Amino acid sequence: MSRLSHPALMFALLLASTSALGGSQWVQARTVLNTCGYFSTSQAELTLTYRNDDLPWGTSVFLIYGWGGSGVDWAPAPQTVEAPAVAPYHWGTTVTGVIRARTSTQYTSLNYVWKVVLPDGHEFYEKGNGSTYGYYAADFSQVPMPCTTTAGTFVGTPTSLNITTVVKN
């Protein structure tokens, strides 16, 4: 390889690797209080969608997530779920969990990264920043919390959430 072709090859590889990071995303949430009387538990339902028009057909996407709040980043431990294709170049999934109980931590965000696996087996993590342990955080603390007498039943219209990136090295 000549001295001139090596920098050109490295630049082409850089462009190819960063072009896969051109994704967009959105998160919607609903929360409920599981009783209309004495406090019991609260639950959240979050629907996450990832879009990236630069990814080749046959790409798989996974959501790695944990609940955050009260000084906790990934409670109880990071979970991984597949985000199936929901439209061309769109992947999505819905997660639910208890976000508040009488004797436990109150969670106020869903912390997550997207794991993208290309058809050739190459994988990368979409997390919104270049830090080693960075992630996205979707804050649901301001989502209305109506009460319901049926656990696991979510009522009301989903609320769009703000997504921030958290830098952690």
C-alpha atoms as a PDB file:
ATOM      1  CA  MET A   1       0.000   0.000   0.000  1.00  0.00           C
ATOM      2  CA  SER A   2       1.432   3.386  -0.925  1.00  0.00           C
ATOM      3  CA  ARG A   3       1.889   6.207   1.566  1.00  0.00           C
ATOM      4  CA  LEU A   4      -0.935   8.163  -0.107  1.00  0.00           C
ATOM      5  CA  SER A   5      -3.484   5.353  -0.270  1.00  0.00           C
ATOM      6  CA  HIS A   6      -3.197   4.483   3.456  1.00  0.00           C
ATOM      7  CA  PRO A   7      -4.599   7.855   4.721  1.00  0.00           C
ATOM      8  CA  ALA A   8      -7.335   7.732   2.069  1.00  0.00           C
ATOM      9  CA  LEU A   9      -8.316   4.221   3.173  1.00  0.00           C
ATOM     10  CA  MET A  10      -8.358   5.268   6.839  1.00  0.00           C
ATOM     11  CA  PHE A  11     -10.572   8.289   6.014  1.00  0.00           C
ATOM     12  CA  ALA A  12     -12.980   6.078   4.026  1.00  0.00           C
ATOM     13  CA  LEU A  13     -13.199   3.654   6.952  1.00  0.00           C
ATOM     14  CA  LEU A  14     -13.891   6.549   9.331  1.00  0.00           C
ATOM     15  CA  LEU A  15     -16.712   7.804   7.116  1.00  0.00           C
ATOM     16  CA  ALA A  16     -18.175   4.318   6.801  1.00  0.00           C
ATOM     17  CA  SER A  17     -18.100   3.717  10.547  1.00  0.00           C
ATOM     18  CA  THR A  18     -19.602   7.087  11.510  1.00  0.00           C
ATOM     19  CA  SER A  19     -22.293   7.059   8.821  1.00  0.00           C
ATOM     20  CA  ALA A  20     -23.962   4.168  10.644  1.00  0.00           C
ATOM     21  CA  LEU A  21     -24.397   6.504  13.617  1.00  0.00           C
ATOM     22  CA  GLY A  22     -26.877   8.714  11.765  1.00  0.00           C
ATOM     23  CA  GLY A  23     -29.862   7.395  13.683  1.00  0.00           C
ATOM     24  CA  SER A  24     -32.805   9.206  15.187  1.00  0.00           C
ATOM     25  CA  GLN A  25     -35.111   8.008  17.915  1.00  0.00           C
ATOM     26  CA  TRP A  26     -38.133   8.814  20.000  1.00  0.00           C
ATOM     27  CA  VAL A  27     -39.670   7.533  23.211  1.00  0.00           C
ATOM     28  CA  GLN A  28     -43.245   7.727  24.448  1.00  0.00           C
ATOM     29  CA  ALA A  29     -44.437   6.772  27.931  1.00  0.00           C
ATOM     30  CA  ARG A  30     -47.511   6.153  30.016  1.00  0.00           C
ATOM     31  CA  THR A  31     -47.495   5.676  33.778  1.00  0.00           C
ATOM     32  CA  VAL A  32     -50.176   4.462  36.172  1.00  0.00           C
ATOM     33  CA  LEU A  33     -50.769   4.200  39.887  1.00  0.00           C
ATOM     34  CA  ASN A  34     -52.082   0.678  40.485  1.00  0.00           C
ATOM     35  CA  THR A  35     -54.748   1.665  42.984  1.00  0.00           C
ATOM     36  CA  CYS A  36     -57.067   4.598  43.368  1.00  0.00           C
ATOM     37  CA  GLY A  37     -57.002   4.434  47.153  1.00  0.00           C
ATOM     38  CA  TYR A  38     -54.126   3.489  49.412  1.00  0.00           C
ATOM     39  CA  PHE A  39     -50.748   3.685  47.650  1.00  0.00           C
ATOM     40  CA  SER A  40     -49.536   0.433  46.131  1.00  0.00           C
ATOM     41  CA  THR A  41     -47.158   0.557  43.166  1.00  0.00           C
ATOM     42  CA  SER A  42     -46.665   2.624  40.034  1.00  0.00           C
ATOM     43  CA  GLN A  43     -45.763   1.261  36.648  1.00  0.00           C
ATOM     44  CA  ALA A  44     -44.394   2.711  33.420  1.00  0.00           C
ATOM     45  CA  GLU A  45     -44.811   1.607  29.831  1.00  0.00           C
ATOM     46  CA  LEU A  46     -42.265   3.039  27.388  1.00  0.00           C
ATOM     47  CA  THR A  47     -42.313   2.580  23.627  1.00  0.00           C
ATOM     48  CA  LEU A  48     -38.937   3.236  21.999  1.00  0.00           C
ATOM     49  CA  THR A  49     -38.285   3.589  18.278  1.00  0.00           C
ATOM     50  CA  TYR A  50     -34.919   3.809  16.509  1.00  0.00           C
ATOM     51  CA  ARG A  51     -34.537   4.930  12.893  1.00  0.00           C
ATOM     52  CA  ASN A  52     -31.427   4.793  10.736  1.00  0.00           C
ATOM     53  CA  ASP A  53     -31.763   5.035   6.948  1.00  0.00           C
ATOM     54  CA  ASP A  54     -28.061   4.225   6.487  1.00  0.00           C
ATOM     55  CA  LEU A  55     -28.271   0.657   7.791  1.00  0.00           C
ATOM     56  CA  PRO A  56     -28.347  -2.245   5.322  1.00  0.00           C
ATOM     57  CA  TRP A  57     -31.285  -4.601   4.959  1.00  0.00           C
ATOM     58  CA  GLY A  58     -30.946  -7.508   7.422  1.00  0.00           C
ATOM     59  CA  THR A  59     -29.625  -5.403  10.316  1.00  0.00           C
ATOM     60  CA  SER A  60     -30.744  -6.444  13.814  1.00  0.00           C
ATOM     61  CA  VAL A  61     -31.281  -3.936  16.618  1.00  0.00           C
ATOM     62  CA  PHE A  62     -31.425  -4.607  20.357  1.00  0.00           C
ATOM     63  CA  LEU A  63     -32.335  -2.342  23.269  1.00  0.00           C
ATOM     64  CA  ILE A  64     -30.139  -2.584  26.364  1.00  0.00           C
ATOM     65  CA  TYR A  65     -31.870  -0.783  29.231  1.00  0.00           C
ATOM     66  CA  GLY A  66     -32.178  -0.243  32.952  1.00  0.00           C
ATOM     67  CA  TRP A  67     -34.277   1.960  35.213  1.00  0.00           C
ATOM     68  CA  GLY A  68     -32.666   5.107  36.637  1.00  0.00           C
ATOM     69  CA  GLY A  69     -33.331   7.475  39.507  1.00  0.00           C
ATOM     70  CA  SER A  70     -32.326   8.164  43.104  1.00  0.00           C
ATOM     71  CA  GLY A  71     -28.639   7.681  42.290  1.00  0.00           C
ATOM     72  CA  VAL A  72     -29.190   4.426  40.368  1.00  0.00           C
ATOM     73  CA  ASP A  73     -28.302   4.137  36.667  1.00  0.00           C
ATOM     74  CA  TRP A  74     -29.171   0.568  35.615  1.00  0.00           C
ATOM     75  CA  ALA A  75     -31.631  -1.083  38.007  1.00  0.00           C
ATOM     76  CA  PRO A  76     -32.075  -3.859  38.688  1.00  0.00           C
ATOM     77  CA  ALA A  77     -29.413  -4.842  36.101  1.00  0.00           C
ATOM     78  CA  PRO A  78     -29.140  -4.112  32.377  1.00  0.00           C
ATOM     79  CA  GLN A  79     -31.742  -6.012  30.349  1.00  0.00           C
ATOM     80  CA  THR A  80     -31.485  -6.742  26.617  1.00  0.00           C
ATOM     81  CA  VAL A  81     -34.502  -7.129  24.335  1.00  0.00           C
ATOM     82  CA  GLU A  82     -34.701  -7.389  20.592  1.00  0.00           C
ATOM     83  CA  ALA A  83     -36.226  -4.408  18.830  1.00  0.00           C
ATOM     84  CA  PRO A  84     -37.869  -5.898  15.747  1.00  0.00           C
ATOM     85  CA  ALA A  85     -38.313  -3.949  12.541  1.00  0.00           C
ATOM     86  CA  VAL A  86     -41.575  -1.992  12.700  1.00  0.00           C
ATOM     87  CA  ALA A  87     -41.202  -0.237   9.316  1.00  0.00           C
ATOM     88  CA  PRO A  88     -38.406   0.120   6.753  1.00  0.00           C
ATOM     89  CA  TYR A  89     -35.300   1.355   8.608  1.00  0.00           C
ATOM     90  CA  HIS A  90     -37.285   1.590  11.892  1.00  0.00           C
ATOM     91  CA  TRP A  91     -36.908  -0.734  14.883  1.00  0.00           C
ATOM     92  CA  GLY A  92     -38.940  -0.562  18.051  1.00  0.00           C
ATOM     93  CA  THR A  93     -39.981  -2.207  21.265  1.00  0.00           C
ATOM     94  CA  THR A  94     -42.060  -1.572  24.370  1.00  0.00           C
ATOM     95  CA  VAL A  95     -40.823  -2.138  27.919  1.00  0.00           C
ATOM     96  CA  THR A  96     -42.748  -1.994  31.181  1.00  0.00           C
ATOM     97  CA  GLY A  97     -41.752  -2.060  34.810  1.00  0.00           C
ATOM     98  CA  VAL A  98     -42.548  -1.068  38.360  1.00  0.00           C
ATOM     99  CA  ILE A  99     -41.157   2.423  38.888  1.00  0.00           C
ATOM    100  CA  ARG A 100     -42.261   3.003  42.463  1.00  0.00           C
ATOM    101  CA  ALA A 101     -43.279   0.790  45.360  1.00  0.00           C
ATOM    102  CA  ARG A 102     -43.666   1.365  49.087  1.00  0.00           C
ATOM    103  CA  THR A 103     -40.302  -0.113  50.019  1.00  0.00           C
ATOM    104  CA  SER A 104     -38.153   0.485  46.935  1.00  0.00           C
ATOM    105  CA  THR A 105     -36.363   3.156  44.980  1.00  0.00           C
ATOM    106  CA  GLN A 106     -38.387   5.499  42.821  1.00  0.00           C
ATOM    107  CA  TYR A 107     -37.256   5.424  39.193  1.00  0.00           C
ATOM    108  CA  THR A 108     -37.625   8.516  37.014  1.00  0.00           C
ATOM    109  CA  SER A 109     -35.917   7.544  33.763  1.00  0.00           C
ATOM    110  CA  LEU A 110     -35.192   4.711  31.416  1.00  0.00           C
ATOM    111  CA  ASN A 111     -31.473   4.538  30.637  1.00  0.00           C
ATOM    112  CA  TYR A 112     -30.537   2.721  27.452  1.00  0.00           C
ATOM    113  CA  VAL A 113     -28.305   2.141  24.441  1.00  0.00           C
ATOM    114  CA  TRP A 114     -29.118   0.659  21.056  1.00  0.00           C
ATOM    115  CA  LYS A 115     -27.003  -2.336  20.023  1.00  0.00           C
ATOM    116  CA  VAL A 116     -26.889  -2.558  16.232  1.00  0.00           C
ATOM    117  CA  VAL A 117     -25.762  -5.804  14.576  1.00  0.00           C
ATOM    118  CA  LEU A 118     -25.051  -5.558  10.861  1.00  0.00           C
ATOM    119  CA  PRO A 119     -25.688  -8.519   8.529  1.00  0.00           C
ATOM    120  CA  ASP A 120     -21.937  -9.273   8.411  1.00  0.00           C
ATOM    121  CA  GLY A 121     -21.849  -9.626  12.233  1.00  0.00           C
ATOM    122  CA  HIS A 122     -20.201  -6.266  12.925  1.00  0.00           C
ATOM    123  CA  GLU A 123     -21.849  -4.495  15.870  1.00  0.00           C
ATOM    124  CA  PHE A 124     -21.824  -1.019  17.323  1.00  0.00           C
ATOM    125  CA  TYR A 125     -23.640   0.792  20.122  1.00  0.00           C
ATOM    126  CA  GLU A 126     -25.696   3.908  19.480  1.00  0.00           C
ATOM    127  CA  LYS A 127     -25.538   5.943  22.689  1.00  0.00           C
ATOM    128  CA  GLY A 128     -25.384   9.566  21.629  1.00  0.00           C
ATOM    129  CA  ASN A 129     -21.831  10.271  22.736  1.00  0.00           C
ATOM    130  CA  GLY A 130     -18.303   8.931  22.509  1.00  0.00           C
ATOM    131  CA  SER A 131     -17.801   8.163  26.193  1.00  0.00           C
ATOM    132  CA  THR A 132     -16.976   4.622  27.250  1.00  0.00           C
ATOM    133  CA  TYR A 133     -20.035   3.982  29.430  1.00  0.00           C
ATOM    134  CA  GLY A 134     -22.368   6.662  28.061  1.00  0.00           C
ATOM    135  CA  TYR A 135     -26.051   6.134  27.432  1.00  0.00           C
ATOM    136  CA  TYR A 136     -29.363   7.793  26.630  1.00  0.00           C
ATOM    137  CA  ALA A 137     -31.805   8.755  29.386  1.00  0.00           C
ATOM    138  CA  ALA A 138     -35.548   9.182  28.753  1.00  0.00           C
ATOM    139  CA  ASP A 139     -37.066  11.082  31.701  1.00  0.00           C
ATOM    140  CA  PHE A 140     -40.660  10.091  32.485  1.00  0.00           C
ATOM    141  CA  SER A 141     -40.934  11.915  35.841  1.00  0.00           C
ATOM    142  CA  GLN A 142     -43.425  14.462  34.438  1.00  0.00           C
ATOM    143  CA  VAL A 143     -45.733  11.965  32.720  1.00  0.00           C
ATOM    144  CA  PRO A 144     -49.291  12.061  34.139  1.00  0.00           C
ATOM    145  CA  MET A 145     -50.011   9.133  36.483  1.00  0.00           C
ATOM    146  CA  PRO A 146     -53.720   8.258  36.539  1.00  0.00           C
ATOM    147  CA  CYS A 147     -54.942   5.547  38.876  1.00  0.00           C
ATOM    148  CA  THR A 148     -56.345   2.217  37.771  1.00  0.00           C
ATOM    149  CA  THR A 149     -57.657  -0.747  39.703  1.00  0.00           C
ATOM    150  CA  THR A 150     -56.278  -3.252  37.184  1.00  0.00           C
ATOM    151  CA  ALA A 151     -52.520  -3.811  37.500  1.00  0.00           C
ATOM    152  CA  GLY A 152     -50.725  -3.777  34.160  1.00  0.00           C
ATOM    153  CA  THR A 153     -53.433  -1.723  32.452  1.00  0.00           C
ATOM    154  CA  PHE A 154     -52.153   1.549  31.048  1.00  0.00           C
ATOM    155  CA  VAL A 155     -54.658   4.324  30.412  1.00  0.00           C
ATOM    156  CA  GLY A 156     -54.348   7.650  28.676  1.00  0.00           C
ATOM    157  CA  THR A 157     -52.410   8.955  25.732  1.00  0.00           C
ATOM    158  CA  PRO A 158     -48.651   8.274  25.599  1.00  0.00           C
ATOM    159  CA  THR A 159     -46.456  11.304  26.318  1.00  0.00           C
ATOM    160  CA  SER A 160     -43.387  12.060  24.175  1.00  0.00           C
ATOM    161  CA  LEU A 161     -40.257  12.185  26.300  1.00  0.00           C
ATOM    162  CA  ASN A 162     -37.112  14.283  26.149  1.00  0.00           C
ATOM    163  CA  ILE A 163     -34.025  12.204  25.558  1.00  0.00           C
ATOM    164  CA  THR A 164     -30.648  13.269  26.892  1.00  0.00           C
ATOM    165  CA  THR A 165     -27.223  11.716  26.554  1.00  0.00           C
ATOM    166  CA  VAL A 166     -25.243  10.882  29.657  1.00  0.00           C
ATOM    167  CA  VAL A 167     -21.454  10.926  29.374  1.00  0.00           C
ATOM    168  CA  LYS A 168     -19.658   8.372  31.558  1.00  0.00           C
ATOM    169  CA  ASN A 169     -16.033   7.356  31.137  1.00  0.00           C
END
